[in-house]
Amino acid sequence: MASISLRGVQKAYGDNTPVIRNVDLEIGKNEFCVFLGPSGCGKSTLLRMIAGLEDVTDGDVSIGGKLVNDVPAAQRGVAMVFQSYALFPHMTVYENMAFGLKLAKTPKADIDRKVREAARILQLEALLERHPKALSGGQRQRVAIGRAIVREPGVFLFDEPLSNLDATLRGQTRIEIARLHKQFAEASVVYVTHDQIEAMTLADKIVLLHSGKDTEMYGSIAQVGAPLELYHRPASRFVAGFIGSPRMNFLPATVNGVDAQGVSITLDGSAETLRLPLQAGALAAGAQVTFGVRPEHLELIASNNGHAARAGESLTLARKVTLVEALGEHSYVHLDQPGGNVLIAKAPGDAQFAPGDTVQFRAHAAQCHLFAQDGFALAPLAAQPLESAAQRA
């Protein structure tokens, strides 16, 4: 079974335009690593370099401690599941799953054992004699996964395997992939997606790549970490804006002062101030910063869950409602914000709002973020345990 190591990996095409920049990454045995990012950020290219389907322009790719830059894809000990299923239409499910083993001249008895075991795991036993055209999209994707499983590889590579499925099938197949990972022994899994729900629910480690819109950072790693680490402690405004749905609220602010207790700010266009327990770094009074708070971290003061906070620890925002997205269990309340920005808060589904109402929400300093003008987040004064809003309440 295999770990994966990337050292200074870069990729450029004919015009020398880099699509992957200086990637250093370690993926351990039995680790589920998700490459996440917007379309066009290079995540599939990075996966294909691990698979051996793309050449590496610079740097080293190692699998199981062995340098594989010049090793053909078929000899790397990896199995890849594609977005398009890539099944042979004239072959049955059994024949599709057995095809790679036949090419490897595996004994027939071993082929039959491995195919039937994979079919049992994937609940495909009743479909082995069917052709792909007689299968649903979810069943076809399970066949593609089964074709990878029978090879018993050291590394599983998934390239957006759920993007062709509808919402219900995506959820079901995501659960199956998570369950299968528990049976992969020490195999590493690398999974590419632009869907943050897949990333947050499946990953042990998320590798978030920069968007192509930022030409200087395009194709480089924005942040690597566990899902909750990226969610609660984003390294930059880019990470904070990409992880979370709806995305984090960003409001312009000005630094009032800095001291041993943190950074004091005032939201632009208002008199509302807040002290955040963050390291100021090079910031000084008068500096322009961006204040960030997630919709679920804006607490509706009128709710039964409201609780008092000491002075300086929270910020009370009184705003007019402009729109309510009622989703049943909860609602997203759009609030008017000075300067033309929109502030979104998450509220209980039974809370009653109407456009024009003025409501109050409280933002706790420990759940808020500040970003300097270069886009990077200010670090907390002291490490705090990662917790959900529900745990805090």
Foldseek 3Di string as FASTA:
>chain_A
DKKKWWAQWWDADDVRQTLAGGDTDIFFWLFAEEEAEDPSLCQVVVLCQQLQNDATPDTFMDIRNHTCNPPHNVPNQEAEQEQVLPFDQVAFLLCRLLVVVVVVVHDPVLSVVLLCVLCVLLVNNVRRGPGPVPDDLLVSSSSSVSSRVSSLGQEYEYEANCPVDDPVSSVVVLVSVQVVSVVSVGHYYYHYDHDLVSVLVRGQKYFYADDVVPSVRRNYTQDMHHNLCLDQPPFFQRSQPSHDVVGKFKFKWFWQAADCQATKIATPPDRWIAGAQFDQVPDGGGAIKIKIAHQAQWAFCPDPPHDDDDPRFKTKDKFFFADWAQDDQWIWTWTDDPPRGIDIHIGGNPDDDDGGDITMTMHGNSRMWMAHPVGTTTHGPDDDDRDDPVVVD
